[in-house]
Amino acid sequence: MNTFPRTIFPALKDALADQRAIVITGMRRTGKTTSLRWLLEQVDSNNKIYLDLERLDQRAVFEESNYDLVLDYLRNRGLDSTQPMTVALDEIQYIPNLPSVVKYLRDNYNIKFLLSGSSSFYLKNYFSESLAGRKVVFEMFPLSFGEFLGFRGVPFRLRENLAEMRFDPHEYERLKGLYEEYVTFGGLPDVVLEARPQARRDILSDIFSSYINIDVRALADFQKIGELQQLLRLLALRIGNRLDVSKLASATGLSRPTVNQYLDFLEMTYVIRRLPAFAGGDKPTALAKKLYFCDNGIASVLATISEGAAFENAVCNQLRPYGRLNYLAKGSEYEVDFILTREERSAGLEVKYHPIQSDVQKLKRIAAKHGLGESWLVGKYPTPGFSDFIWGGSIF
């Protein structure tokens, strides 16, 4: 199978070495099935099988109350139960009792399970107890900008620290068109590999429709899907803002508990991300979380978002692999978009469409006040004569 490499692949392969079940979870169409098939190919044995639980016939097998019948099915499909077996199961969220099946077969037979599913909501509600200590979970997200370039066959050098990401005019000229695509359409693999803009929009619409009509209906008991869609459209217009649950409840006609329930579900199904306030901020426990979407393309399906909001949202997603993210605020006096903490060292990052020198000076004052080790502007477009900033397209 010809597969584009993902940064998660080495860790997945390393996890084959023990008997814990490997669980790959993440947003719809981020590449979980491709990664699951790739991982199965890395198993140095022919005593293995891939099963898709979206198929009703294969799903029915794992819905059996007699779990030994599942083993019979695997034997009938050619697996030798006297030897170590590897079983890859895709779309596990369709079978609520699957953890019990996996636990029984894993504990009683020599089976290594490779699993994938579209939701940490499912893992939290069904997997937490049944496979405690028996699983290792990997989260898959849309492509980073570095992975985006890899899918397009464009070479790049990964930057290890923030200082190395400082604006480089030559790299800017080389990659600015590609970065604009990434900010506009996001990082879902099928979208990245499609060259036609309208086809990309169609793919994004299809992915969102599948999420609503398949994932939401399979995982939740929400009575009115339209309410969830209305909330999503409002959220897309609030990217980068602190969430006010009372206002969201008033705008949608929902109760505050229902809005909070929907927000939790959207986060656990990898549609949105909420950033808490930094511990150095003003009364951090009282400050609302800031909202971002896990993919720019999905956000663009829901509403017409400003270029500035799209850029800030992209930067949020690009920074995710580099460490823990928060935001910093002191009342209405000032706010720093992102606080990136890595190995107990924190850096303040302020996103600016056109960064200028006075922005640097203001940020440095705030950073010094809160004991931040570093502070950087993150810009999308250079300002003539000013280069003391990180260009968004160098965060790979």
Protein backbone atom coordinates (compact mmCIF):
# COMPACT_ATOMS: atom_id res chain seq x y z
CA MET A 1 0.00 0.00 0.00
CA ASN A 2 1.40 3.42 -1.01
CA THR A 3 0.96 5.56 2.10
CA PHE A 4 2.11 9.09 2.81
CA PRO A 5 4.13 9.09 6.06
CA ARG A 6 2.65 10.69 9.15
CA THR A 7 4.60 11.91 12.17
CA ILE A 8 2.64 9.49 14.36
CA PHE A 9 3.89 6.39 12.48
CA PRO A 10 7.14 5.72 14.44
CA ALA A 11 5.31 5.78 17.78
CA LEU A 12 2.61 3.48 16.40
CA LYS A 13 5.19 1.00 15.19
CA ASP A 14 7.01 1.05 18.53
CA ALA A 15 3.73 0.18 20.28
CA LEU A 16 3.59 -3.15 18.42
CA ALA A 17 6.26 -4.47 20.78
CA ASP A 18 3.92 -5.22 23.73
CA GLN A 19 0.54 -6.87 24.12
CA ARG A 20 -1.50 -3.76 24.90
CA ALA A 21 -4.23 -2.94 22.42
CA ILE A 22 -3.33 0.00 20.19
CA VAL A 23 -6.19 2.48 19.81
CA ILE A 24 -6.09 5.19 17.14
CA THR A 25 -8.72 7.85 17.64
CA GLY A 26 -9.41 11.22 16.08
CA MET A 27 -11.62 13.31 13.86
CA ARG A 28 -13.41 11.77 10.88
CA ARG A 29 -11.24 11.48 7.74
CA THR A 30 -7.94 12.34 9.41
CA GLY A 31 -6.34 9.13 8.12
CA LYS A 32 -7.11 6.62 10.89
CA THR A 33 -8.05 3.81 8.50
CA THR A 34 -4.95 4.38 6.38
CA SER A 35 -2.79 4.40 9.52
CA LEU A 36 -4.45 1.24 10.82
CA ARG A 37 -3.80 -0.58 7.55
CA TRP A 38 -0.21 0.72 7.48
CA LEU A 39 0.34 -0.47 11.05
CA LEU A 40 -1.01 -3.92 10.19
CA GLU A 41 1.48 -4.10 7.32
CA GLN A 42 4.30 -3.56 9.83
CA VAL A 43 3.38 -6.78 11.67
CA ASP A 44 5.94 -9.40 10.65
CA SER A 45 3.46 -12.23 10.33
CA ASN A 46 0.72 -13.41 7.99
CA ASN A 47 -1.45 -14.44 10.94
CA LYS A 48 -3.37 -11.18 10.88
CA ILE A 49 -6.64 -9.70 9.63
CA TYR A 50 -8.30 -6.32 9.00
CA LEU A 51 -12.04 -5.96 9.69
CA ASP A 52 -14.28 -2.96 9.05
CA LEU A 53 -17.06 -2.60 11.61
CA GLU A 54 -18.99 -0.25 9.32
CA ARG A 55 -19.87 -3.44 7.46
CA LEU A 56 -22.98 -4.93 9.02
CA ASP A 57 -21.84 -8.56 8.55
CA GLN A 58 -18.55 -7.98 10.35
CA ARG A 59 -20.19 -5.82 12.99
CA ALA A 60 -22.67 -8.60 13.77
CA VAL A 61 -19.81 -10.96 14.67
CA PHE A 62 -18.58 -8.68 17.46
CA GLU A 63 -22.11 -8.13 18.76
CA GLU A 64 -22.36 -11.82 19.70
CA SER A 65 -22.96 -12.43 23.40
CA ASN A 66 -20.83 -15.60 23.20
CA TYR A 67 -17.34 -14.18 22.64
CA ASP A 68 -15.88 -17.56 21.69
CA LEU A 69 -17.94 -17.35 18.49
CA VAL A 70 -15.75 -14.37 17.56
CA LEU A 71 -12.69 -16.59 17.83
CA ASP A 72 -14.41 -19.17 15.60
CA TYR A 73 -15.02 -16.43 13.03
CA LEU A 74 -11.33 -15.48 13.07
CA ARG A 75 -10.36 -19.13 12.62
CA ASN A 76 -12.79 -19.46 9.73
CA ARG A 77 -11.13 -16.44 8.11
CA GLY A 78 -7.79 -18.27 8.16
CA LEU A 79 -6.15 -17.24 11.44
CA ASP A 80 -4.23 -19.86 13.42
CA SER A 81 -5.25 -19.58 17.06
CA THR A 82 -2.27 -21.66 18.20
CA GLN A 83 0.03 -18.83 17.08
CA PRO A 84 0.09 -15.12 17.97
CA MET A 85 -2.66 -13.29 16.08
CA THR A 86 -3.07 -9.64 15.14
CA VAL A 87 -6.59 -8.31 14.62
CA ALA A 88 -7.21 -4.80 13.26
CA LEU A 89 -10.72 -3.45 13.87
CA ASP A 90 -11.79 -0.21 12.19
CA GLU A 91 -14.67 2.07 13.30
CA ILE A 92 -15.00 0.55 16.77
CA GLN A 93 -17.45 3.23 17.94
CA TYR A 94 -20.32 1.31 16.32
CA ILE A 95 -20.15 -1.45 18.97
CA PRO A 96 -20.56 -0.18 22.56
CA ASN A 97 -19.67 -3.56 24.09
CA LEU A 98 -16.52 -4.02 22.02
CA PRO A 99 -14.15 -3.33 24.95
CA SER A 100 -15.57 -6.37 26.75
CA VAL A 101 -15.04 -8.52 23.67
CA VAL A 102 -11.48 -7.29 23.23
CA LYS A 103 -10.69 -7.77 26.94
CA TYR A 104 -11.98 -11.37 26.92
CA LEU A 105 -10.15 -12.39 23.75
CA ARG A 106 -6.96 -10.61 24.71
CA ASP A 107 -6.89 -12.17 28.19
CA ASN A 108 -7.70 -15.68 26.99
CA TYR A 109 -5.96 -15.91 23.61
CA ASN A 110 -2.74 -14.59 22.12
CA ILE A 111 -4.27 -11.69 20.19
CA LYS A 112 -2.80 -8.24 19.60
CA PHE A 113 -5.61 -5.79 18.81
CA LEU A 114 -5.18 -2.73 16.61
CA LEU A 115 -8.26 -0.51 16.91
CA SER A 116 -9.48 2.75 15.41
CA GLY A 117 -12.47 4.95 16.12
CA SER A 118 -13.69 8.48 15.61
CA SER A 119 -14.20 9.69 19.14
CA SER A 120 -12.63 10.09 22.56
CA PHE A 121 -16.29 10.36 23.68
CA TYR A 122 -16.57 6.64 22.95
CA LEU A 123 -13.28 5.85 24.69
CA LYS A 124 -14.24 7.80 27.80
CA ASN A 125 -17.70 6.29 28.08
CA TYR A 126 -16.93 2.68 27.16
CA PHE A 127 -13.19 2.02 27.23
CA SER A 128 -11.98 3.63 30.43
CA GLU A 129 -12.83 0.74 32.75
CA SER A 130 -12.86 -2.32 30.49
CA LEU A 131 -9.32 -1.94 29.15
CA ALA A 132 -7.61 -0.06 31.95
CA GLY A 133 -3.89 -0.79 31.63
CA ARG A 134 -4.50 -2.92 28.54
CA LYS A 135 -4.46 -0.21 25.87
CA VAL A 136 -2.33 2.62 24.53
CA VAL A 137 -4.20 5.47 22.84
CA PHE A 138 -2.93 7.61 19.96
CA GLU A 139 -4.80 10.70 18.79
CA MET A 140 -4.76 11.58 15.09
CA PHE A 141 -5.31 15.16 14.02
CA PRO A 142 -5.49 16.84 10.61
CA LEU A 143 -2.14 17.27 8.92
CA SER A 144 0.42 19.62 10.38
CA PHE A 145 1.82 22.09 7.85
CA GLY A 146 4.93 19.92 7.62
CA GLU A 147 2.81 16.87 6.81
CA PHE A 148 0.86 19.00 4.32
CA LEU A 149 4.13 19.78 2.53
CA GLY A 150 5.10 16.12 2.63
CA PHE A 151 1.82 15.13 0.99
CA ARG A 152 2.56 17.69 -1.74
CA GLY A 153 6.13 16.47 -2.21
CA VAL A 154 7.65 19.77 -1.05
CA PRO A 155 10.91 19.53 0.96
CA PHE A 156 11.26 21.41 4.25
CA ARG A 157 13.48 21.51 7.34
CA LEU A 158 11.76 20.91 10.64
CA ARG A 159 12.46 23.66 13.19
CA GLU A 160 13.18 22.39 16.69
CA ASN A 161 12.64 25.63 18.60
CA LEU A 162 10.86 28.95 18.24
CA ALA A 163 13.99 30.96 17.46
CA GLU A 164 14.62 28.81 14.37
CA MET A 165 11.14 29.70 13.08
CA ARG A 166 12.02 33.37 12.74
CA PHE A 167 10.97 34.99 9.47
CA ASP A 168 13.09 33.94 6.50
CA PRO A 169 12.24 35.93 3.33
CA HIS A 170 13.38 33.13 1.00
CA GLU A 171 11.28 30.50 2.75
CA TYR A 172 8.37 32.93 2.77
CA GLU A 173 8.54 33.37 -0.99
CA ARG A 174 8.91 29.63 -1.55
CA LEU A 175 6.05 28.49 0.69
CA LYS A 176 3.59 31.40 1.03
CA GLY A 177 1.17 30.08 -1.61
CA LEU A 178 1.09 26.63 -0.02
CA TYR A 179 0.61 28.10 3.44
CA GLU A 180 -2.32 30.17 2.16
CA GLU A 181 -3.94 26.94 0.95
CA TYR A 182 -3.35 25.32 4.32
CA VAL A 183 -4.93 28.23 6.22
CA THR A 184 -7.90 28.33 3.85
CA PHE A 185 -8.72 24.65 3.42
CA GLY A 186 -7.19 22.98 6.49
CA GLY A 187 -5.32 19.72 6.77
CA LEU A 188 -7.68 16.82 6.15
CA PRO A 189 -5.78 14.41 3.84
CA ASP A 190 -8.46 14.03 1.16
CA VAL A 191 -8.75 17.80 0.91
CA VAL A 192 -4.97 18.32 0.76
CA LEU A 193 -4.64 15.81 -2.09
CA GLU A 194 -7.40 17.45 -4.14
CA ALA A 195 -6.15 20.23 -6.45
CA ARG A 196 -9.50 21.76 -7.44
CA PRO A 197 -10.82 24.40 -4.98
CA GLN A 198 -14.50 23.62 -5.55
CA ALA A 199 -13.86 19.90 -5.16
CA ARG A 200 -12.12 20.63 -1.86
CA ARG A 201 -15.18 22.49 -0.64
CA ASP A 202 -17.39 19.60 -1.72
CA ILE A 203 -15.20 17.13 0.19
CA LEU A 204 -15.33 19.29 3.30
CA SER A 205 -19.12 19.53 3.08
CA ASP A 206 -19.33 15.76 2.68
CA ILE A 207 -17.07 15.17 5.70
CA PHE A 208 -19.17 17.49 7.86
CA SER A 209 -22.41 15.87 6.68
CA SER A 210 -21.00 12.44 7.52
CA TYR A 211 -20.04 13.66 10.98
CA ILE A 212 -23.58 14.92 11.63
CA ASN A 213 -25.46 12.02 10.05
CA ILE A 214 -23.20 9.15 11.14
CA ASP A 215 -20.94 10.01 14.07
CA VAL A 216 -23.39 12.20 16.01
CA ARG A 217 -26.29 9.79 15.55
CA ALA A 218 -24.13 6.78 16.46
CA LEU A 219 -22.51 8.27 19.54
CA ALA A 220 -25.05 10.60 21.12
CA ASP A 221 -28.73 10.66 22.00
CA PHE A 222 -29.28 14.31 21.10
CA GLN A 223 -32.93 14.80 20.26
CA LYS A 224 -32.54 17.69 17.86
CA ILE A 225 -29.52 17.55 15.55
CA GLY A 226 -30.51 20.95 14.13
CA GLU A 227 -29.75 22.58 17.48
CA LEU A 228 -26.22 21.18 17.38
CA GLN A 229 -25.72 22.50 13.85
CA GLN A 230 -26.98 25.93 14.87
CA LEU A 231 -24.54 25.96 17.78
CA LEU A 232 -21.69 24.96 15.47
CA ARG A 233 -22.41 27.86 13.13
CA LEU A 234 -22.32 30.28 16.05
CA LEU A 235 -19.07 28.78 17.29
CA ALA A 236 -17.41 29.18 13.90
CA LEU A 237 -18.00 32.92 14.19
CA ARG A 238 -16.36 32.98 17.63
CA ILE A 239 -12.96 31.48 16.80
CA GLY A 240 -10.28 32.92 19.07
CA ASN A 241 -12.83 34.33 21.52
CA ARG A 242 -13.62 33.35 25.08
CA LEU A 243 -16.75 31.26 25.29
CA ASP A 244 -19.74 32.82 27.00
CA VAL A 245 -22.11 29.91 27.62
CA SER A 246 -24.94 32.21 28.72
CA LYS A 247 -24.86 34.10 25.43
CA LEU A 248 -24.67 30.87 23.44
CA ALA A 249 -27.67 29.54 25.34
CA SER A 250 -29.66 32.71 24.62
CA ALA A 251 -28.73 32.70 20.94
CA THR A 252 -29.71 29.05 20.44
CA GLY A 253 -32.64 28.81 22.83
CA LEU A 254 -30.87 25.98 24.66
CA SER A 255 -30.28 25.67 28.38
CA ARG A 256 -26.79 26.25 29.79
CA PRO A 257 -26.38 22.56 30.76
CA THR A 258 -27.34 21.51 27.23
CA VAL A 259 -24.86 23.94 25.68
CA ASN A 260 -22.13 22.61 27.96
CA GLN A 261 -23.09 19.05 27.03
CA TYR A 262 -22.85 19.89 23.33
CA LEU A 263 -19.50 21.64 23.79
CA ASP A 264 -18.07 18.62 25.61
CA PHE A 265 -19.29 16.32 22.86
CA LEU A 266 -17.87 18.53 20.09
CA GLU A 267 -14.50 18.59 21.82
CA MET A 268 -14.42 14.85 22.40
CA THR A 269 -15.28 14.21 18.75
CA TYR A 270 -12.41 16.47 17.64
CA VAL A 271 -14.45 19.26 16.07
CA ILE A 272 -13.52 22.05 18.49
CA ARG A 273 -10.74 22.73 20.97
CA ARG A 274 -11.00 24.86 24.10
CA LEU A 275 -7.92 26.49 25.62
CA PRO A 276 -7.88 27.29 29.35
CA ALA A 277 -6.28 30.40 30.81
CA PHE A 278 -2.61 30.33 31.79
CA ALA A 279 -1.89 29.97 35.51
CA GLY A 280 -0.13 33.31 35.49
CA GLY A 281 -3.25 35.16 34.35
CA ASP A 282 -5.78 37.07 36.41
CA LYS A 283 -7.94 34.61 38.36
CA PRO A 284 -7.42 31.82 35.82
CA THR A 285 -10.09 29.54 37.28
CA ALA A 286 -12.72 32.23 36.67
CA LEU A 287 -11.77 32.93 33.06
CA ALA A 288 -13.71 31.24 30.27
CA LYS A 289 -11.91 29.02 27.80
CA LYS A 290 -11.02 30.24 24.31
CA LEU A 291 -12.49 28.47 21.30
CA TYR A 292 -10.78 27.03 18.24
CA PHE A 293 -11.70 24.48 15.59
CA CYS A 294 -9.52 21.41 15.02
CA ASP A 295 -9.53 22.03 11.26
CA ASN A 296 -9.82 25.28 9.32
CA GLY A 297 -11.64 23.62 6.45
CA ILE A 298 -14.44 22.32 8.66
CA ALA A 299 -14.84 25.75 10.25
CA SER A 300 -15.13 27.31 6.79
CA VAL A 301 -18.02 24.97 5.92
CA LEU A 302 -20.01 26.37 8.82
CA ALA A 303 -19.50 30.12 8.39
CA THR A 304 -17.56 32.77 6.54
CA ILE A 305 -14.73 33.39 8.96
CA SER A 306 -12.39 36.36 8.77
CA GLU A 307 -8.85 35.92 7.42
CA GLY A 308 -7.46 36.90 10.81
CA ALA A 309 -9.54 34.30 12.64
CA ALA A 310 -8.57 31.63 10.10
CA PHE A 311 -4.89 32.46 10.57
CA GLU A 312 -5.09 32.36 14.37
CA ASN A 313 -6.98 29.07 14.22
CA ALA A 314 -4.33 27.55 11.95
CA VAL A 315 -1.54 28.67 14.28
CA CYS A 316 -3.34 27.08 17.23
CA ASN A 317 -3.43 23.75 15.41
CA GLN A 318 0.17 24.08 14.21
CA LEU A 319 1.42 24.64 17.76
CA ARG A 320 -0.37 21.60 19.22
CA PRO A 321 2.54 19.13 18.75
CA TYR A 322 5.04 21.50 20.35
CA GLY A 323 3.64 21.50 23.89
CA ARG A 324 0.75 22.52 26.13
CA LEU A 325 -1.27 25.53 25.03
CA ASN A 326 -3.07 28.14 27.14
CA TYR A 327 -3.91 31.78 26.72
CA LEU A 328 -3.10 34.65 29.06
CA ALA A 329 -5.40 37.52 30.03
CA LYS A 330 -5.61 40.16 32.71
CA GLY A 331 -9.17 41.35 32.76
CA SER A 332 -9.74 43.65 29.81
CA GLU A 333 -6.24 45.19 30.06
CA TYR A 334 -4.44 42.80 27.76
CA GLU A 335 -4.45 39.29 26.33
CA VAL A 336 -1.76 37.05 24.82
CA ASP A 337 -3.17 34.60 22.28
CA PHE A 338 -1.08 31.56 23.22
CA ILE A 339 1.19 30.46 26.04
CA LEU A 340 3.22 27.47 24.85
CA THR A 341 4.68 25.37 27.67
CA ARG A 342 7.29 22.77 26.86
CA GLU A 343 9.53 21.07 29.43
CA GLU A 344 8.34 23.52 32.11
CA ARG A 345 9.44 26.51 30.04
CA SER A 346 6.71 28.87 28.79
CA ALA A 347 6.67 31.24 25.83
CA GLY A 348 4.13 33.91 24.95
CA LEU A 349 2.94 33.99 21.35
CA GLU A 350 0.81 36.79 19.93
CA VAL A 351 -0.73 36.29 16.48
CA LYS A 352 -0.66 39.33 14.20
CA TYR A 353 -1.71 39.55 10.56
CA HIS A 354 0.93 42.27 9.95
CA PRO A 355 3.37 42.34 12.90
CA ILE A 356 5.18 45.57 13.73
CA GLN A 357 7.88 46.67 16.17
CA SER A 358 5.51 48.21 18.71
CA ASP A 359 3.76 44.82 19.00
CA VAL A 360 7.08 43.28 20.04
CA GLN A 361 7.67 45.84 22.75
CA LYS A 362 4.19 45.42 24.23
CA LEU A 363 4.48 41.63 24.22
CA LYS A 364 7.90 41.70 25.88
CA ARG A 365 6.54 43.85 28.71
CA ILE A 366 3.69 41.41 29.34
CA ALA A 367 6.04 38.40 29.11
CA ALA A 368 8.43 39.91 31.66
CA LYS A 369 5.55 40.67 34.01
CA HIS A 370 4.41 37.04 33.95
CA GLY A 371 7.83 35.41 34.02
CA LEU A 372 7.68 33.95 30.52
CA GLY A 373 11.01 32.72 29.20
CA GLU A 374 10.33 33.74 25.60
CA SER A 375 7.93 35.91 23.65
CA TRP A 376 7.32 35.99 19.91
CA LEU A 377 4.96 37.55 17.44
CA VAL A 378 3.54 35.11 14.92
CA GLY A 379 2.81 36.87 11.65
CA LYS A 380 1.23 35.93 8.38
CA TYR A 381 2.53 38.77 6.21
CA PRO A 382 5.82 40.66 6.65
CA THR A 383 5.87 44.38 7.26
CA PRO A 384 8.56 46.28 5.28
CA GLY A 385 11.71 46.68 7.34
CA PHE A 386 10.57 44.37 10.15
CA SER A 387 11.60 40.73 10.49
CA ASP A 388 11.68 40.05 14.26
CA PHE A 389 8.78 37.60 14.20
CA ILE A 390 7.89 33.98 13.52
CA TRP A 391 6.26 33.40 10.17
CA GLY A 392 3.25 31.09 10.50
CA GLY A 393 4.44 29.02 7.54
CA SER A 394 7.63 28.00 9.37
CA ILE A 395 5.71 26.22 12.15
CA PHE A 396 5.86 22.75 10.64
